[in-house]
Amino acid sequence: MEIAIIQHDIYWASPEKNAKHLECLLEQHPEADLFVLCEMWSTGFATDPEGVAEENKESLDWMIRMSHQHNAAFAGSIATKEDGRYFNRFYFVKPDGSFNYYDKRHLFSYGAEDKHLTQGDSRVVVEWRGVRFLLEVCYDLRFPVWSRNHVDKDSGEAEYDAILYVANWPTSRIEVWNTLLRARAIENQCYVVGVNRIGQDQNCQYCGASAMIDPYGRAIVECERDKKCLTTAALDIDALTSFRKKFPVLRDAESFLLKIED
């Protein structure tokens, strides 16, 4: 499984401009199984999304076109308006035009995201070309119970193989980002793909530090800070399976059900 991470700047509230910018980056490396964009890649991090969030799905349509054109999945979150409510919605789009989505569970109260957006109420795992991905967004990274990998008691199979984190994570807290990406990979015996933006919006400066982390907590590939970047790396599922069998951390963990209360 070849995964491309795209670390990029974002033009505020300009979906068409951001799409064209990403198309230029994609021309530099058009082949992968999965391309991962950042959080709210088409508008910037709109904690007050009125007038910014998309209702006509133009950015989702762009992801569908790109997925078909590149014969690859595309993943990234979009500020979305639906039935009068706003969501930070993480789409996972496949070349046949089908898609799954996850609505961000942990809304960033420090930035008042919780005052304007509706939180999600369920985890989403997507299978693509033999790899199972858990979809998560930015602030979700701080909540390990929400991302906990579980093992099926009958089959012995883990729930997922990799976590995708798409983010607008500010430079001031970037060492937290670096630490928690590695922690999530180690404790869940999985790969972690973290894609963060660069540049500046109305509130924060962003330096990127996007990376792919292996189950041992080691970086497979990292993007240079403050630089746009499109880089790829392979996830070795055979090696992951072998590691889990040899060192059965997940099987030794406590079993529990997550009860969601609003």
C-alpha atoms as a PDB file:
ATOM      1  CA  MET A   1       0.000   0.000   0.000  1.00  0.00           C
ATOM      2  CA  GLU A   2       1.608   3.248  -1.199  1.00  0.00           C
ATOM      3  CA  ILE A   3       0.390   6.316   0.681  1.00  0.00           C
ATOM      4  CA  ALA A   4       1.032   9.926  -0.317  1.00  0.00           C
ATOM      5  CA  ILE A   5       0.842  12.683   2.271  1.00  0.00           C
ATOM      6  CA  ILE A   6       0.279  16.226   1.028  1.00  0.00           C
ATOM      7  CA  GLN A   7       1.477  18.975   3.359  1.00  0.00           C
ATOM      8  CA  HIS A   8       0.146  22.230   1.972  1.00  0.00           C
ATOM      9  CA  ASP A   9      -0.890  25.807   2.709  1.00  0.00           C
ATOM     10  CA  ILE A  10      -4.578  26.793   2.531  1.00  0.00           C
ATOM     11  CA  TYR A  11      -6.169  29.879   0.997  1.00  0.00           C
ATOM     12  CA  TRP A  12      -8.889  31.072   3.351  1.00  0.00           C
ATOM     13  CA  ALA A  13     -12.439  30.223   2.217  1.00  0.00           C
ATOM     14  CA  SER A  14     -11.314  29.612  -1.384  1.00  0.00           C
ATOM     15  CA  PRO A  15     -12.199  26.031  -2.429  1.00  0.00           C
ATOM     16  CA  GLU A  16     -11.471  26.553  -6.131  1.00  0.00           C
ATOM     17  CA  LYS A  17      -8.110  28.179  -5.472  1.00  0.00           C
ATOM     18  CA  ASN A  18      -7.107  25.437  -3.033  1.00  0.00           C
ATOM     19  CA  ALA A  19      -8.155  22.716  -5.488  1.00  0.00           C
ATOM     20  CA  LYS A  20      -6.014  24.235  -8.260  1.00  0.00           C
ATOM     21  CA  HIS A  21      -3.071  24.541  -5.878  1.00  0.00           C
ATOM     22  CA  LEU A  22      -3.364  20.859  -4.964  1.00  0.00           C
ATOM     23  CA  GLU A  23      -3.648  19.813  -8.594  1.00  0.00           C
ATOM     24  CA  CYS A  24      -0.253  21.438  -9.225  1.00  0.00           C
ATOM     25  CA  LEU A  25       1.231  19.431  -6.367  1.00  0.00           C
ATOM     26  CA  LEU A  26      -0.374  16.219  -7.629  1.00  0.00           C
ATOM     27  CA  GLU A  27       1.248  16.665 -11.031  1.00  0.00           C
ATOM     28  CA  GLN A  28       4.623  16.214  -9.329  1.00  0.00           C
ATOM     29  CA  HIS A  29       3.740  12.746  -8.035  1.00  0.00           C
ATOM     30  CA  PRO A  30       0.619  11.326  -9.644  1.00  0.00           C
ATOM     31  CA  GLU A  31       0.862   7.703  -8.437  1.00  0.00           C
ATOM     32  CA  ALA A  32      -0.152   6.243  -5.063  1.00  0.00           C
ATOM     33  CA  ASP A  33      -2.902   4.073  -3.609  1.00  0.00           C
ATOM     34  CA  LEU A  34      -4.076   6.813  -1.241  1.00  0.00           C
ATOM     35  CA  PHE A  35      -3.569  10.582  -1.141  1.00  0.00           C
ATOM     36  CA  VAL A  36      -4.140  12.268   2.228  1.00  0.00           C
ATOM     37  CA  LEU A  37      -4.945  15.981   2.478  1.00  0.00           C
ATOM     38  CA  CYS A  38      -5.222  18.000   5.676  1.00  0.00           C
ATOM     39  CA  GLU A  39      -8.159  19.117   7.824  1.00  0.00           C
ATOM     40  CA  MET A  40     -10.624  21.501   6.106  1.00  0.00           C
ATOM     41  CA  TRP A  41      -8.272  21.537   3.129  1.00  0.00           C
ATOM     42  CA  SER A  42     -10.582  23.610   0.929  1.00  0.00           C
ATOM     43  CA  THR A  43     -11.330  26.524   3.298  1.00  0.00           C
ATOM     44  CA  GLY A  44      -9.026  26.594   6.295  1.00  0.00           C
ATOM     45  CA  PHE A  45     -10.062  25.799   9.872  1.00  0.00           C
ATOM     46  CA  ALA A  46     -13.490  27.432  10.089  1.00  0.00           C
ATOM     47  CA  THR A  47     -14.527  27.223  13.746  1.00  0.00           C
ATOM     48  CA  ASP A  48     -17.394  29.608  12.895  1.00  0.00           C
ATOM     49  CA  PRO A  49     -18.373  28.077   9.546  1.00  0.00           C
ATOM     50  CA  GLU A  50     -21.337  30.241   8.546  1.00  0.00           C
ATOM     51  CA  GLY A  51     -20.662  31.550   5.037  1.00  0.00           C
ATOM     52  CA  VAL A  52     -17.594  29.299   4.720  1.00  0.00           C
ATOM     53  CA  ALA A  53     -18.863  25.722   5.015  1.00  0.00           C
ATOM     54  CA  GLU A  54     -19.892  24.060   1.755  1.00  0.00           C
ATOM     55  CA  GLU A  55     -23.434  22.969   1.036  1.00  0.00           C
ATOM     56  CA  ASN A  56     -23.066  22.299  -2.701  1.00  0.00           C
ATOM     57  CA  LYS A  57     -20.336  19.668  -2.169  1.00  0.00           C
ATOM     58  CA  GLU A  58     -17.968  21.219  -4.725  1.00  0.00           C
ATOM     59  CA  SER A  59     -14.877  20.072  -2.819  1.00  0.00           C
ATOM     60  CA  LEU A  60     -16.254  16.563  -2.406  1.00  0.00           C
ATOM     61  CA  ASP A  61     -16.940  16.491  -6.158  1.00  0.00           C
ATOM     62  CA  TRP A  62     -13.325  17.553  -6.749  1.00  0.00           C
ATOM     63  CA  MET A  63     -12.078  14.708  -4.539  1.00  0.00           C
ATOM     64  CA  ILE A  64     -14.236  12.263  -6.520  1.00  0.00           C
ATOM     65  CA  ARG A  65     -12.800  13.535  -9.820  1.00  0.00           C
ATOM     66  CA  MET A  66      -9.231  13.333  -8.548  1.00  0.00           C
ATOM     67  CA  SER A  67      -9.803   9.852  -7.168  1.00  0.00           C
ATOM     68  CA  HIS A  68     -11.066   8.629 -10.522  1.00  0.00           C
ATOM     69  CA  GLN A  69      -8.302  10.421 -12.420  1.00  0.00           C
ATOM     70  CA  HIS A  70      -5.500   8.979 -10.290  1.00  0.00           C
ATOM     71  CA  ASN A  71      -7.128   5.587  -9.645  1.00  0.00           C
ATOM     72  CA  ALA A  72      -6.478   6.141  -5.958  1.00  0.00           C
ATOM     73  CA  ALA A  73      -8.391   6.961  -2.812  1.00  0.00           C
ATOM     74  CA  PHE A  74      -8.423  10.562  -1.559  1.00  0.00           C
ATOM     75  CA  ALA A  75      -8.900  11.499   2.097  1.00  0.00           C
ATOM     76  CA  GLY A  76      -9.347  14.851   3.827  1.00  0.00           C
ATOM     77  CA  SER A  77     -11.849  16.855   5.832  1.00  0.00           C
ATOM     78  CA  ILE A  78     -14.224  19.544   4.553  1.00  0.00           C
ATOM     79  CA  ALA A  79     -16.278  22.176   6.386  1.00  0.00           C
ATOM     80  CA  THR A  80     -19.764  20.957   5.500  1.00  0.00           C
ATOM     81  CA  LYS A  81     -23.285  22.282   5.927  1.00  0.00           C
ATOM     82  CA  GLU A  82     -26.127  19.770   5.875  1.00  0.00           C
ATOM     83  CA  ASP A  83     -29.755  20.201   6.967  1.00  0.00           C
ATOM     84  CA  GLY A  84     -28.937  23.472   8.677  1.00  0.00           C
ATOM     85  CA  ARG A  85     -26.093  22.004  10.735  1.00  0.00           C
ATOM     86  CA  TYR A  86     -22.319  22.286  10.331  1.00  0.00           C
ATOM     87  CA  PHE A  87     -19.802  19.440  10.429  1.00  0.00           C
ATOM     88  CA  ASN A  88     -16.052  18.967  10.233  1.00  0.00           C
ATOM     89  CA  ARG A  89     -16.476  16.001   7.898  1.00  0.00           C
ATOM     90  CA  PHE A  90     -13.625  13.675   6.958  1.00  0.00           C
ATOM     91  CA  TYR A  91     -14.268  12.092   3.562  1.00  0.00           C
ATOM     92  CA  PHE A  92     -12.588   8.940   2.250  1.00  0.00           C
ATOM     93  CA  VAL A  93     -13.285   8.779  -1.501  1.00  0.00           C
ATOM     94  CA  LYS A  94     -12.676   5.833  -3.839  1.00  0.00           C
ATOM     95  CA  PRO A  95     -12.146   5.817  -7.635  1.00  0.00           C
ATOM     96  CA  ASP A  96     -15.603   4.391  -8.374  1.00  0.00           C
ATOM     97  CA  GLY A  97     -17.153   7.520  -6.840  1.00  0.00           C
ATOM     98  CA  SER A  98     -18.212   5.864  -3.593  1.00  0.00           C
ATOM     99  CA  PHE A  99     -17.170   7.402  -0.302  1.00  0.00           C
ATOM    100  CA  ASN A 100     -17.303   7.046   3.468  1.00  0.00           C
ATOM    101  CA  TYR A 101     -17.209   9.884   5.942  1.00  0.00           C
ATOM    102  CA  TYR A 102     -16.510  10.514   9.600  1.00  0.00           C
ATOM    103  CA  ASP A 103     -17.767  13.564  11.499  1.00  0.00           C
ATOM    104  CA  LYS A 104     -15.170  14.845  13.949  1.00  0.00           C
ATOM    105  CA  ARG A 105     -16.032  13.693  17.452  1.00  0.00           C
ATOM    106  CA  HIS A 106     -13.832  15.919  19.603  1.00  0.00           C
ATOM    107  CA  LEU A 107     -14.608  19.494  18.640  1.00  0.00           C
ATOM    108  CA  PHE A 108     -11.935  22.002  19.657  1.00  0.00           C
ATOM    109  CA  SER A 109     -13.599  23.920  22.506  1.00  0.00           C
ATOM    110  CA  TYR A 110     -10.494  26.086  23.033  1.00  0.00           C
ATOM    111  CA  GLY A 111     -11.198  27.551  19.584  1.00  0.00           C
ATOM    112  CA  ALA A 112     -15.029  27.497  20.022  1.00  0.00           C
ATOM    113  CA  GLU A 113     -15.467  24.822  17.356  1.00  0.00           C
ATOM    114  CA  ASP A 114     -17.981  23.141  19.671  1.00  0.00           C
ATOM    115  CA  LYS A 115     -20.159  26.269  19.684  1.00  0.00           C
ATOM    116  CA  HIS A 116     -20.884  26.115  15.956  1.00  0.00           C
ATOM    117  CA  LEU A 117     -20.348  22.555  14.679  1.00  0.00           C
ATOM    118  CA  THR A 118     -22.136  19.305  15.397  1.00  0.00           C
ATOM    119  CA  GLN A 119     -19.969  16.528  16.807  1.00  0.00           C
ATOM    120  CA  GLY A 120     -19.932  13.035  15.382  1.00  0.00           C
ATOM    121  CA  ASP A 121     -21.200  10.063  17.359  1.00  0.00           C
ATOM    122  CA  SER A 122     -19.465   7.055  15.790  1.00  0.00           C
ATOM    123  CA  ARG A 123     -16.055   5.794  14.733  1.00  0.00           C
ATOM    124  CA  VAL A 124     -15.475   4.918  11.103  1.00  0.00           C
ATOM    125  CA  VAL A 125     -13.112   2.269   9.721  1.00  0.00           C
ATOM    126  CA  VAL A 126     -12.662   2.072   5.943  1.00  0.00           C
ATOM    127  CA  GLU A 127     -11.126  -0.835   4.020  1.00  0.00           C
ATOM    128  CA  TRP A 128      -9.129   0.032   0.918  1.00  0.00           C
ATOM    129  CA  ARG A 129      -6.983  -2.353  -1.118  1.00  0.00           C
ATOM    130  CA  GLY A 130      -6.534  -4.717   1.774  1.00  0.00           C
ATOM    131  CA  VAL A 131      -5.790  -2.106   4.457  1.00  0.00           C
ATOM    132  CA  ARG A 132      -8.247  -0.945   7.140  1.00  0.00           C
ATOM    133  CA  PHE A 133      -8.074   2.736   8.111  1.00  0.00           C
ATOM    134  CA  LEU A 134      -9.538   4.457  11.165  1.00  0.00           C
ATOM    135  CA  LEU A 135     -10.540   8.033  10.283  1.00  0.00           C
ATOM    136  CA  GLU A 136      -9.750  10.756  12.834  1.00  0.00           C
ATOM    137  CA  VAL A 137      -9.445  14.560  12.792  1.00  0.00           C
ATOM    138  CA  CYS A 138      -6.879  16.766  14.558  1.00  0.00           C
ATOM    139  CA  TYR A 139      -8.043  17.196  18.194  1.00  0.00           C
ATOM    140  CA  ASP A 140      -9.142  13.528  18.245  1.00  0.00           C
ATOM    141  CA  LEU A 141      -5.424  12.764  18.575  1.00  0.00           C
ATOM    142  CA  ARG A 142      -5.517  13.800  22.238  1.00  0.00           C
ATOM    143  CA  PHE A 143      -8.123  11.187  23.187  1.00  0.00           C
ATOM    144  CA  PRO A 144      -6.636   7.668  23.185  1.00  0.00           C
ATOM    145  CA  VAL A 145      -9.779   5.837  24.302  1.00  0.00           C
ATOM    146  CA  TRP A 146     -11.604   7.031  21.161  1.00  0.00           C
ATOM    147  CA  SER A 147      -8.901   5.566  18.914  1.00  0.00           C
ATOM    148  CA  ARG A 148      -8.326   2.350  20.876  1.00  0.00           C
ATOM    149  CA  ASN A 149      -7.706  -0.655  18.618  1.00  0.00           C
ATOM    150  CA  HIS A 150      -9.718  -3.733  19.566  1.00  0.00           C
ATOM    151  CA  VAL A 151      -9.245  -7.411  18.773  1.00  0.00           C
ATOM    152  CA  ASP A 152     -12.117  -9.636  17.740  1.00  0.00           C
ATOM    153  CA  LYS A 153     -12.312 -12.450  20.292  1.00  0.00           C
ATOM    154  CA  ASP A 154     -13.255 -15.079  17.712  1.00  0.00           C
ATOM    155  CA  SER A 155     -10.932 -14.252  14.816  1.00  0.00           C
ATOM    156  CA  GLY A 156      -8.119 -12.613  16.763  1.00  0.00           C
ATOM    157  CA  GLU A 157      -8.072  -9.833  14.148  1.00  0.00           C
ATOM    158  CA  ALA A 158      -7.447  -6.216  15.097  1.00  0.00           C
ATOM    159  CA  GLU A 159     -10.117  -3.707  14.126  1.00  0.00           C
ATOM    160  CA  TYR A 160      -7.808  -1.612  11.932  1.00  0.00           C
ATOM    161  CA  ASP A 161      -4.269  -1.435  10.526  1.00  0.00           C
ATOM    162  CA  ALA A 162      -3.666   2.316  10.351  1.00  0.00           C
ATOM    163  CA  ILE A 163      -5.036   5.595  11.666  1.00  0.00           C
ATOM    164  CA  LEU A 164      -5.362   8.667   9.464  1.00  0.00           C
ATOM    165  CA  TYR A 165      -5.122  12.002  11.305  1.00  0.00           C
ATOM    166  CA  VAL A 166      -5.809  15.115   9.229  1.00  0.00           C
ATOM    167  CA  ALA A 167      -5.080  18.356  11.031  1.00  0.00           C
ATOM    168  CA  ASN A 168      -4.667  22.091  11.403  1.00  0.00           C
ATOM    169  CA  TRP A 169      -2.303  21.715  14.368  1.00  0.00           C
ATOM    170  CA  PRO A 170      -0.513  24.968  15.318  1.00  0.00           C
ATOM    171  CA  THR A 171       3.238  25.415  15.580  1.00  0.00           C
ATOM    172  CA  SER A 172       2.972  26.389  19.260  1.00  0.00           C
ATOM    173  CA  ARG A 173       1.889  22.827  20.131  1.00  0.00           C
ATOM    174  CA  ILE A 174       3.776  20.874  17.480  1.00  0.00           C
ATOM    175  CA  GLU A 175       5.823  18.804  19.935  1.00  0.00           C
ATOM    176  CA  VAL A 176       2.546  17.477  21.342  1.00  0.00           C
ATOM    177  CA  TRP A 177       1.576  16.456  17.792  1.00  0.00           C
ATOM    178  CA  ASN A 178       4.897  14.665  17.292  1.00  0.00           C
ATOM    179  CA  THR A 179       4.637  12.826  20.598  1.00  0.00           C
ATOM    180  CA  LEU A 180       1.013  11.747  20.309  1.00  0.00           C
ATOM    181  CA  LEU A 181       1.331  10.449  16.737  1.00  0.00           C
ATOM    182  CA  ARG A 182       3.992   8.068  17.990  1.00  0.00           C
ATOM    183  CA  ALA A 183       2.028   7.153  21.102  1.00  0.00           C
ATOM    184  CA  ARG A 184      -1.070   6.232  19.092  1.00  0.00           C
ATOM    185  CA  ALA A 185       1.029   4.016  16.803  1.00  0.00           C
ATOM    186  CA  ILE A 186       2.756   2.206  19.668  1.00  0.00           C
ATOM    187  CA  GLU A 187      -0.274   1.608  21.891  1.00  0.00           C
ATOM    188  CA  ASN A 188      -2.504   0.442  19.011  1.00  0.00           C
ATOM    189  CA  GLN A 189       0.145  -1.604  17.183  1.00  0.00           C
ATOM    190  CA  CYS A 190      -0.657   0.162  13.938  1.00  0.00           C
ATOM    191  CA  TYR A 191       0.642   2.613  11.385  1.00  0.00           C
ATOM    192  CA  VAL A 192      -0.258   6.266  11.879  1.00  0.00           C
ATOM    193  CA  VAL A 193      -0.470   8.824   9.088  1.00  0.00           C
ATOM    194  CA  GLY A 194      -0.578  12.428  10.291  1.00  0.00           C
ATOM    195  CA  VAL A 195      -1.072  15.218   7.753  1.00  0.00           C
ATOM    196  CA  ASN A 196      -0.894  18.811   8.980  1.00  0.00           C
ATOM    197  CA  ARG A 197      -1.048  22.110   7.107  1.00  0.00           C
ATOM    198  CA  ILE A 198       1.545  24.867   6.799  1.00  0.00           C
ATOM    199  CA  GLY A 199       1.080  28.639   6.566  1.00  0.00           C
ATOM    200  CA  GLN A 200      -1.092  30.964   8.614  1.00  0.00           C
ATOM    201  CA  ASP A 201      -4.770  31.687   9.127  1.00  0.00           C
ATOM    202  CA  GLN A 202      -6.550  34.370  11.143  1.00  0.00           C
ATOM    203  CA  ASN A 203      -5.515  32.821  14.452  1.00  0.00           C
ATOM    204  CA  CYS A 204      -2.524  30.501  14.154  1.00  0.00           C
ATOM    205  CA  GLN A 205       0.773  29.716  12.481  1.00  0.00           C
ATOM    206  CA  TYR A 206       1.248  26.144  11.168  1.00  0.00           C
ATOM    207  CA  CYS A 207       4.509  24.338  10.393  1.00  0.00           C
ATOM    208  CA  GLY A 208       3.338  20.950   9.136  1.00  0.00           C
ATOM    209  CA  ALA A 209       5.507  18.189  10.616  1.00  0.00           C
ATOM    210  CA  SER A 210       3.415  15.661   8.680  1.00  0.00           C
ATOM    211  CA  ALA A 211       4.646  12.097   9.035  1.00  0.00           C
ATOM    212  CA  MET A 212       3.984   8.398   8.685  1.00  0.00           C
ATOM    213  CA  ILE A 213       4.815   6.401  11.809  1.00  0.00           C
ATOM    214  CA  ASP A 214       5.317   2.636  12.043  1.00  0.00           C
ATOM    215  CA  PRO A 215       3.982   0.411  14.887  1.00  0.00           C
ATOM    216  CA  TYR A 216       7.276   0.796  16.760  1.00  0.00           C
ATOM    217  CA  GLY A 217       6.857   4.581  16.881  1.00  0.00           C
ATOM    218  CA  ARG A 218       9.501   5.250  14.227  1.00  0.00           C
ATOM    219  CA  ALA A 219       8.993   7.735  11.414  1.00  0.00           C
ATOM    220  CA  ILE A 220       8.902   6.051   8.007  1.00  0.00           C
ATOM    221  CA  VAL A 221       8.838   9.441   6.318  1.00  0.00           C
ATOM    222  CA  GLU A 222       8.534  13.032   7.555  1.00  0.00           C
ATOM    223  CA  CYS A 223       7.889  16.331   5.817  1.00  0.00           C
ATOM    224  CA  GLU A 224      10.229  19.234   6.456  1.00  0.00           C
ATOM    225  CA  ARG A 225       8.652  21.896   8.613  1.00  0.00           C
ATOM    226  CA  ASP A 226       7.233  25.012   6.925  1.00  0.00           C
ATOM    227  CA  LYS A 227       7.664  23.504   3.455  1.00  0.00           C
ATOM    228  CA  LYS A 228       5.007  22.249   1.073  1.00  0.00           C
ATOM    229  CA  CYS A 229       5.544  18.555   0.593  1.00  0.00           C
ATOM    230  CA  LEU A 230       4.179  15.596  -1.285  1.00  0.00           C
ATOM    231  CA  THR A 231       5.937  12.414  -0.302  1.00  0.00           C
ATOM    232  CA  THR A 232       5.062   8.734  -0.329  1.00  0.00           C
ATOM    233  CA  ALA A 233       5.850   5.625   1.669  1.00  0.00           C
ATOM    234  CA  ALA A 234       4.644   2.043   1.749  1.00  0.00           C
ATOM    235  CA  LEU A 235       2.751   0.385   4.575  1.00  0.00           C
ATOM    236  CA  ASP A 236       3.884  -3.220   5.043  1.00  0.00           C
ATOM    237  CA  ILE A 237       0.842  -5.133   6.268  1.00  0.00           C
ATOM    238  CA  ASP A 238       2.661  -8.484   6.292  1.00  0.00           C
ATOM    239  CA  ALA A 239       5.257  -7.027   8.660  1.00  0.00           C
ATOM    240  CA  LEU A 240       2.489  -5.563  10.832  1.00  0.00           C
ATOM    241  CA  THR A 241       0.693  -8.912  11.048  1.00  0.00           C
ATOM    242  CA  SER A 242       3.929 -10.673  11.953  1.00  0.00           C
ATOM    243  CA  PHE A 243       4.690  -8.135  14.683  1.00  0.00           C
ATOM    244  CA  ARG A 244       1.237  -8.499  16.214  1.00  0.00           C
ATOM    245  CA  LYS A 245       1.538 -12.285  16.310  1.00  0.00           C
ATOM    246  CA  LYS A 246       5.033 -12.196  17.809  1.00  0.00           C
ATOM    247  CA  PHE A 247       4.225  -9.492  20.372  1.00  0.00           C
ATOM    248  CA  PRO A 248       0.482  -9.734  21.140  1.00  0.00           C
ATOM    249  CA  VAL A 249      -0.058  -6.436  22.952  1.00  0.00           C
ATOM    250  CA  LEU A 250      -3.591  -5.977  21.652  1.00  0.00           C
ATOM    251  CA  ARG A 251      -4.702  -9.434  22.762  1.00  0.00           C
ATOM    252  CA  ASP A 252      -3.433  -8.714  26.286  1.00  0.00           C
ATOM    253  CA  ALA A 253      -5.329  -5.441  26.624  1.00  0.00           C
ATOM    254  CA  GLU A 254      -8.525  -5.053  28.635  1.00  0.00           C
ATOM    255  CA  SER A 255     -11.736  -5.503  26.684  1.00  0.00           C
ATOM    256  CA  PHE A 256     -14.358  -2.788  27.013  1.00  0.00           C
ATOM    257  CA  LEU A 257     -17.212  -1.114  25.197  1.00  0.00           C
ATOM    258  CA  LEU A 258     -17.184   2.636  24.643  1.00  0.00           C
ATOM    259  CA  LYS A 259     -20.467   4.176  25.756  1.00  0.00           C
ATOM    260  CA  ILE A 260     -21.031   7.583  24.186  1.00  0.00           C
ATOM    261  CA  GLU A 261     -22.964  10.095  26.260  1.00  0.00           C
ATOM    262  CA  ASP A 262     -23.704  13.629  25.112  1.00  0.00           C
END
